[in-house]
Protein backbone atom coordinates (compact mmCIF):
# COMPACT_ATOMS: atom_id res chain seq x y z
CA MET A 1 38.50 -30.44 26.62
CA ALA A 2 35.26 -32.22 27.47
CA ILE A 3 32.38 -30.13 28.75
CA ASP A 4 29.27 -30.97 30.73
CA ILE A 5 26.49 -29.99 28.35
CA ASN A 6 23.97 -30.17 31.18
CA GLU A 7 25.53 -27.01 32.62
CA TYR A 8 24.40 -25.04 29.56
CA ARG A 9 20.94 -23.46 29.67
CA GLY A 10 19.44 -20.52 27.82
CA CYS A 11 18.80 -19.18 24.33
CA TRP A 12 20.82 -16.17 23.13
CA VAL A 13 20.43 -13.93 20.10
CA PHE A 14 23.30 -11.63 19.14
CA VAL A 15 21.77 -8.27 18.23
CA GLU A 16 23.67 -6.28 15.65
CA GLN A 17 23.14 -2.54 15.87
CA SER A 18 24.26 0.64 14.15
CA HIS A 19 24.10 3.99 15.95
CA GLY A 20 21.74 2.51 18.51
CA LYS A 21 19.35 1.04 15.93
CA PRO A 22 19.01 -2.76 15.65
CA VAL A 23 19.34 -4.32 12.21
CA ARG A 24 16.17 -6.00 11.02
CA VAL A 25 17.53 -9.56 10.95
CA SER A 26 18.29 -9.36 14.70
CA LEU A 27 14.67 -8.45 15.41
CA GLU A 28 13.51 -11.31 13.18
CA LEU A 29 15.68 -13.69 15.21
CA LEU A 30 14.23 -12.43 18.47
CA GLY A 31 10.82 -13.58 17.23
CA LYS A 32 12.12 -17.04 16.37
CA GLY A 33 14.32 -17.15 19.47
CA LYS A 34 11.32 -16.57 21.70
CA GLU A 35 9.63 -19.63 20.20
CA LEU A 36 12.77 -21.75 20.70
CA ALA A 37 13.24 -20.52 24.28
CA GLN A 38 9.68 -21.48 25.14
CA LYS A 39 10.28 -25.01 23.86
CA LEU A 40 13.42 -25.22 25.98
CA GLY A 41 11.70 -23.72 29.02
CA VAL A 42 14.29 -20.94 29.34
CA ASP A 43 14.48 -17.17 28.98
CA LEU A 44 15.32 -15.52 25.67
CA THR A 45 18.40 -13.33 26.06
CA ALA A 46 19.51 -10.63 23.64
CA VAL A 47 23.21 -9.73 23.61
CA VAL A 48 24.15 -6.29 22.30
CA LEU A 49 27.47 -4.45 22.20
CA GLY A 50 28.07 -0.80 21.45
CA ASP A 51 28.46 2.68 22.88
CA ALA A 52 25.65 4.83 24.31
CA LEU A 53 22.92 2.30 23.43
CA GLY A 54 20.17 4.49 24.90
CA PRO A 55 16.66 3.00 24.62
CA LEU A 56 17.81 0.04 22.50
CA PRO A 57 17.67 -2.56 25.34
CA GLN A 58 14.03 -1.70 26.06
CA GLU A 59 13.24 -1.97 22.37
CA LEU A 60 14.69 -5.49 22.31
CA ILE A 61 12.47 -6.42 25.26
CA ALA A 62 9.49 -5.08 23.31
CA TYR A 63 10.42 -7.45 20.47
CA GLY A 64 10.53 -10.55 22.70
CA ALA A 65 13.66 -10.66 24.88
CA GLU A 66 13.20 -11.47 28.57
CA LYS A 67 16.76 -10.42 29.36
CA VAL A 68 19.19 -8.10 27.59
CA LEU A 69 22.93 -8.37 28.22
CA ILE A 70 24.61 -5.09 27.27
CA VAL A 71 28.24 -4.08 27.01
CA GLU A 72 28.76 -0.35 26.52
CA ASP A 73 32.18 1.11 25.81
CA PRO A 74 33.52 3.67 23.28
CA ILE A 75 35.81 0.93 21.95
CA LEU A 76 32.69 -1.01 20.87
CA LYS A 77 31.13 1.84 18.90
CA GLU A 78 32.28 0.31 15.61
CA TYR A 79 32.37 -3.43 14.94
CA ARG A 80 35.79 -5.05 15.10
CA THR A 81 35.99 -8.81 14.81
CA GLU A 82 38.64 -9.43 17.44
CA VAL A 83 37.12 -7.19 20.12
CA TYR A 84 33.53 -8.35 19.63
CA ALA A 85 34.56 -12.02 19.54
CA ASP A 86 36.56 -11.60 22.77
CA VAL A 87 33.65 -10.00 24.63
CA ILE A 88 30.95 -12.40 23.44
CA ALA A 89 33.07 -15.54 23.86
CA GLY A 90 33.89 -14.46 27.41
CA ALA A 91 30.21 -13.94 28.22
CA VAL A 92 29.31 -17.34 26.75
CA LEU A 93 31.99 -19.16 28.74
CA GLU A 94 30.83 -17.46 31.93
CA ARG A 95 27.05 -17.78 31.52
CA LYS A 96 26.83 -20.96 29.38
CA PRO A 97 23.87 -20.59 26.99
CA GLU A 98 22.92 -23.74 25.10
CA VAL A 99 21.83 -21.93 21.92
CA LEU A 100 23.39 -18.90 20.20
CA ILE A 101 21.85 -17.44 17.03
CA VAL A 102 23.47 -14.78 14.82
CA GLY A 103 22.08 -12.98 11.78
CA ALA A 104 23.88 -13.85 8.53
CA SER A 105 24.62 -10.22 7.70
CA PRO A 106 28.16 -9.32 6.56
CA ILE A 107 29.05 -8.69 10.22
CA GLY A 108 27.33 -11.86 11.43
CA ARG A 109 29.07 -13.97 8.80
CA ASP A 110 32.37 -12.59 10.00
CA LEU A 111 31.64 -12.97 13.72
CA ALA A 112 29.86 -16.35 13.95
CA PRO A 113 32.65 -18.62 12.61
CA ARG A 114 35.20 -16.94 14.88
CA LEU A 115 32.96 -17.51 17.90
CA SER A 116 32.39 -21.08 16.78
CA PHE A 117 36.15 -21.71 16.66
CA ARG A 118 36.88 -20.03 19.99
CA LEU A 119 34.08 -21.88 21.74
CA ASN A 120 34.76 -25.23 20.04
CA ALA A 121 31.12 -25.23 18.96
CA GLY A 122 29.44 -26.28 15.74
CA CYS A 123 27.73 -23.57 13.67
CA THR A 124 25.21 -24.17 10.88
CA ALA A 125 25.33 -21.33 8.35
CA ASP A 126 22.50 -19.73 6.36
CA CYS A 127 19.69 -21.70 7.97
CA THR A 128 16.16 -21.62 6.61
CA GLY A 129 14.60 -23.36 9.60
CA LEU A 130 15.26 -23.61 13.34
CA ASP A 131 13.57 -25.91 15.84
CA ILE A 132 14.07 -27.79 19.11
CA ASP A 133 14.08 -31.54 19.61
CA GLN A 134 12.45 -31.33 23.02
CA GLU A 135 12.99 -34.98 23.93
CA ASN A 136 16.77 -34.72 23.58
CA ARG A 137 17.03 -30.96 24.16
CA LEU A 138 18.80 -30.45 20.84
CA PHE A 139 18.84 -27.40 18.59
CA VAL A 140 17.79 -28.53 15.10
CA SER A 141 18.97 -26.44 12.14
CA THR A 142 17.90 -26.93 8.53
CA ARG A 143 19.53 -25.44 5.45
CA PRO A 144 19.67 -26.08 1.70
CA ALA A 145 22.56 -28.22 0.47
CA PHE A 146 23.91 -29.47 -2.87
CA GLY A 147 22.73 -26.44 -4.79
CA GLY A 148 19.38 -26.38 -3.07
CA ASN A 149 18.37 -29.86 -4.20
CA VAL A 150 18.57 -31.26 -0.66
CA VAL A 151 17.48 -29.84 2.69
CA ALA A 152 19.99 -30.86 5.36
CA THR A 153 18.96 -31.28 9.00
CA ILE A 154 21.89 -30.63 11.34
CA ILE A 155 22.33 -31.17 15.08
CA CYS A 156 25.32 -30.72 17.41
CA PRO A 157 24.81 -33.19 20.28
CA ASN A 158 28.21 -33.04 21.99
CA HIS A 159 29.22 -29.37 22.10
CA ARG A 160 27.75 -26.16 23.46
CA PRO A 161 26.58 -23.65 22.63
CA GLN A 162 24.72 -24.88 19.57
CA MET A 163 25.07 -22.15 16.96
CA ALA A 164 23.41 -21.06 13.73
CA THR A 165 23.29 -18.09 11.41
CA VAL A 166 20.10 -17.09 9.60
CA ARG A 167 19.87 -14.85 6.56
CA PRO A 168 17.81 -11.65 6.67
CA GLY A 169 14.20 -12.13 5.60
CA VAL A 170 13.99 -15.84 6.37
CA MET A 171 12.08 -15.37 9.63
CA PRO A 172 9.04 -13.06 9.97
CA LEU A 173 9.41 -9.84 11.92
CA PRO A 174 7.67 -10.22 15.32
CA GLU A 175 5.14 -7.70 16.53
CA LYS A 176 6.49 -5.06 18.86
CA ASP A 177 4.87 -4.92 22.31
CA PRO A 178 6.01 -1.81 24.22
CA ALA A 179 4.17 -3.06 27.33
CA ARG A 180 6.52 -6.03 27.78
CA SER A 181 8.89 -5.96 30.72
CA GLY A 182 12.30 -7.55 31.07
CA GLU A 183 15.70 -7.32 32.71
CA VAL A 184 18.64 -5.30 31.41
CA VAL A 185 21.99 -6.63 32.67
CA PRO A 186 25.16 -4.56 32.09
CA LEU A 187 28.28 -6.69 31.71
CA ILE A 188 31.56 -5.31 33.01
CA VAL A 189 34.49 -6.25 30.79
CA GLN A 190 38.07 -5.04 30.59
CA ILE A 191 38.75 -3.62 27.14
CA GLN A 192 41.81 -1.58 26.22
CA GLU A 193 42.18 0.21 22.90
CA GLN A 194 45.88 -0.60 22.79
CA ASP A 195 45.03 -4.31 22.87
CA ALA A 196 43.04 -4.10 19.62
CA GLN A 197 45.06 -5.06 16.56
CA VAL A 198 42.70 -3.27 14.17
CA LYS A 199 42.30 0.52 14.32
CA ILE A 200 39.35 2.22 12.66
CA LEU A 201 40.46 5.44 10.98
CA GLU A 202 37.16 6.34 9.35
CA SER A 203 33.71 4.85 8.93
CA VAL A 204 31.61 5.82 5.90
CA GLU A 205 28.13 4.47 5.27
CA ALA A 206 27.37 3.45 1.71
CA GLU A 207 24.66 5.48 0.05
CA SER A 208 21.65 3.52 -1.11
CA GLU A 209 18.63 4.37 -3.21
CA GLY A 210 15.19 3.39 -1.99
CA VAL A 211 14.46 0.67 0.56
CA ALA A 212 16.60 -2.45 1.00
CA ILE A 213 14.86 -5.25 -0.90
CA GLU A 214 14.64 -7.48 2.20
CA GLU A 215 12.57 -4.76 3.90
CA ALA A 216 10.40 -3.80 0.92
CA GLU A 217 6.65 -4.49 0.90
CA ARG A 218 6.64 -4.90 -2.88
CA VAL A 219 9.43 -6.31 -5.07
CA LEU A 220 9.75 -6.61 -8.84
CA CYS A 221 12.49 -9.09 -9.69
CA VAL A 222 13.95 -9.31 -13.17
CA GLY A 223 15.64 -12.36 -14.67
CA MET A 224 17.55 -12.83 -17.91
CA GLY A 225 14.22 -12.77 -19.75
CA GLY A 226 14.08 -9.07 -19.01
CA ALA A 227 17.76 -8.21 -19.17
CA ASP A 228 17.86 -5.79 -22.05
CA ALA A 229 17.77 -2.00 -21.87
CA GLU A 230 14.22 -1.53 -23.20
CA THR A 231 12.63 -4.22 -21.02
CA PHE A 232 14.56 -3.22 -17.92
CA ALA A 233 13.37 0.36 -18.35
CA MET A 234 9.78 -0.92 -18.39
CA VAL A 235 10.41 -2.99 -15.25
CA LYS A 236 11.64 0.15 -13.47
CA GLU A 237 8.63 2.14 -14.67
CA LEU A 238 6.22 -0.53 -13.43
CA ALA A 239 8.07 -0.66 -10.11
CA GLY A 240 7.63 3.08 -9.76
CA LEU A 241 3.88 2.81 -10.35
CA LEU A 242 3.64 0.03 -7.75
CA ASP A 243 5.93 1.80 -5.28
CA ALA A 244 8.09 -1.33 -5.41
CA GLU A 245 11.82 -2.06 -5.25
CA VAL A 246 13.62 -3.65 -8.21
CA ALA A 247 15.61 -6.85 -7.62
CA ALA A 248 17.33 -9.37 -9.87
CA THR A 249 18.38 -12.99 -10.21
CA ARG A 250 22.04 -13.96 -10.04
CA MET A 251 22.42 -14.12 -13.82
CA ALA A 252 20.90 -10.66 -14.26
CA VAL A 253 23.24 -9.29 -11.57
CA GLU A 254 26.27 -10.90 -13.22
CA ALA A 255 25.15 -9.36 -16.52
CA GLY A 256 25.45 -5.96 -14.85
CA TRP A 257 21.80 -4.89 -14.65
CA LEU A 258 21.81 -4.47 -10.87
CA THR A 259 24.37 -4.77 -8.08
CA HIS A 260 24.70 -7.77 -5.77
CA ASP A 261 22.83 -6.08 -2.92
CA SER A 262 19.71 -6.35 -5.11
CA GLN A 263 20.10 -10.09 -5.79
CA VAL A 264 17.42 -12.52 -4.60
CA GLY A 265 18.25 -16.18 -4.13
CA GLN A 266 20.50 -18.69 -2.45
CA THR A 267 23.64 -16.59 -3.01
CA GLY A 268 21.78 -13.31 -2.58
CA LYS A 269 19.09 -12.10 -0.22
CA THR A 270 15.87 -13.62 1.11
CA VAL A 271 12.74 -11.51 0.77
CA ARG A 272 9.22 -11.79 2.21
CA PRO A 273 7.25 -8.95 0.54
CA ASP A 274 3.49 -8.61 0.36
CA LEU A 275 3.82 -8.63 -3.46
CA TYR A 276 6.54 -10.30 -5.52
CA VAL A 277 6.48 -9.97 -9.30
CA ALA A 278 8.85 -12.32 -11.15
CA CYS A 279 9.66 -10.88 -14.58
CA GLY A 280 11.28 -13.27 -17.04
CA ILE A 281 12.49 -15.67 -14.32
CA SER A 282 12.70 -19.42 -15.00
CA GLY A 283 12.27 -20.44 -11.36
CA ALA A 284 15.44 -22.41 -10.61
CA VAL A 285 15.68 -23.53 -6.99
CA GLN A 286 18.72 -21.30 -6.44
CA HIS A 287 16.44 -18.31 -6.98
CA THR A 288 13.18 -19.51 -5.45
CA ALA A 289 15.00 -20.29 -2.18
CA GLY A 290 15.08 -16.53 -1.67
CA MET A 291 11.43 -15.64 -2.36
CA THR A 292 9.15 -18.48 -1.25
CA GLY A 293 8.09 -16.52 1.84
CA SER A 294 6.40 -13.88 -0.33
CA LYS A 295 2.70 -13.43 0.44
CA LEU A 296 1.51 -12.94 -3.16
CA VAL A 297 3.57 -14.00 -6.18
CA VAL A 298 2.84 -12.93 -9.76
CA ALA A 299 4.95 -14.55 -12.47
CA ILE A 300 5.37 -13.35 -16.07
CA ASN A 301 7.09 -15.73 -18.46
CA LYS A 302 6.59 -16.68 -22.09
CA ASP A 303 7.29 -20.36 -21.35
CA PRO A 304 4.09 -21.94 -19.96
CA LYS A 305 6.20 -24.76 -18.47
CA ALA A 306 8.53 -22.46 -16.54
CA GLU A 307 9.16 -23.67 -12.98
CA ILE A 308 8.34 -20.25 -11.55
CA PHE A 309 4.62 -20.84 -12.18
CA ASN A 310 4.69 -23.58 -9.53
CA TYR A 311 5.40 -20.86 -6.95
CA ALA A 312 3.00 -18.26 -8.34
CA ASP A 313 -0.45 -17.28 -7.11
CA PHE A 314 -1.09 -15.66 -10.49
CA GLY A 315 0.72 -16.47 -13.73
CA ILE A 316 0.84 -14.53 -16.98
CA VAL A 317 2.11 -16.45 -20.00
CA GLY A 318 3.46 -13.93 -22.45
CA ASP A 319 6.39 -11.88 -23.69
CA LEU A 320 7.51 -9.26 -21.17
CA ARG A 321 7.81 -6.72 -23.97
CA LYS A 322 4.08 -7.01 -24.54
CA VAL A 323 2.84 -7.73 -21.01
CA LEU A 324 4.73 -4.93 -19.23
CA PRO A 325 3.40 -2.09 -21.43
CA ALA A 326 -0.14 -3.39 -20.92
CA LEU A 327 0.29 -3.46 -17.13
CA ILE A 328 1.85 0.01 -17.13
CA GLU A 329 -0.98 1.45 -19.21
CA GLU A 330 -3.63 -0.18 -17.03
CA LEU A 331 -2.05 1.17 -13.82
CA LYS A 332 -1.79 4.64 -15.32
CA THR A 333 -5.47 4.46 -16.24
CA LEU A 334 -6.44 3.31 -12.73
CA ARG A 335 -4.48 6.20 -11.25
CA GLY A 336 -6.27 8.66 -13.47
């Protein structure tokens, strides 16, 4: 059924939360969403579902939202695809935003395509860039394609809302301003537990060691050049001295040195640490797509022609088995 796209105005960000705490990627998208909303000349609206959200709506205003649409109900305490999609799709059809952005977390990757189908809207997945074509009032999404060798620019001129998902770490975290003011709008929806086809019997959070790599200030990433027991032990020791998290390339993950939640790259996570140390990494585009936002990059590789040196602020040409012990000893000396 044809729609009048001129009826659609506004920029929405779906905010994923757990126990009243927003996930980091949603806050990152509020920062980018504010920029897009300003170009469109509209308010930035955060949409959050849950139970007993408490001070969360005010926190979202502090991070950039002008308006926060909230739906609170015990049924929404835990994420369920069908229920969340019903509520959000209903709100979109009623209020008609022209842009809807979702974080590409496991939940976001489940929710966004279902919303896209229900709303007959296009959705660009895993974007690395978002912008507005102000002349034509179009949402412009960019993402890597063909193994990262091409950057595709995608628009959706004939359907609304225009949708995109963005991976964690791609956009910078905006500064929090507790002095900001905004409007919190409760939405009244009819939800019945008996209507839900999925029942949650138990919810158990996975235990994790250290900080998630996408939130870490310092990251040491190991490639196949460091994927042996002795070298990997030295990488972990150096990470401990630097108070850094250990990550890996896809090949190192597939070799069993770390789990997938520690993978950096196109099929893993995107990181933006203050310090990124690439240990034995060649620098293929599939990996560098996940770390180019790092503030300071140090690369260690015995091949002086390795591609990773093109992304490095400082490069060390040498064997990891010789370079790592020297760095460890020097740090120990500096620490007394």
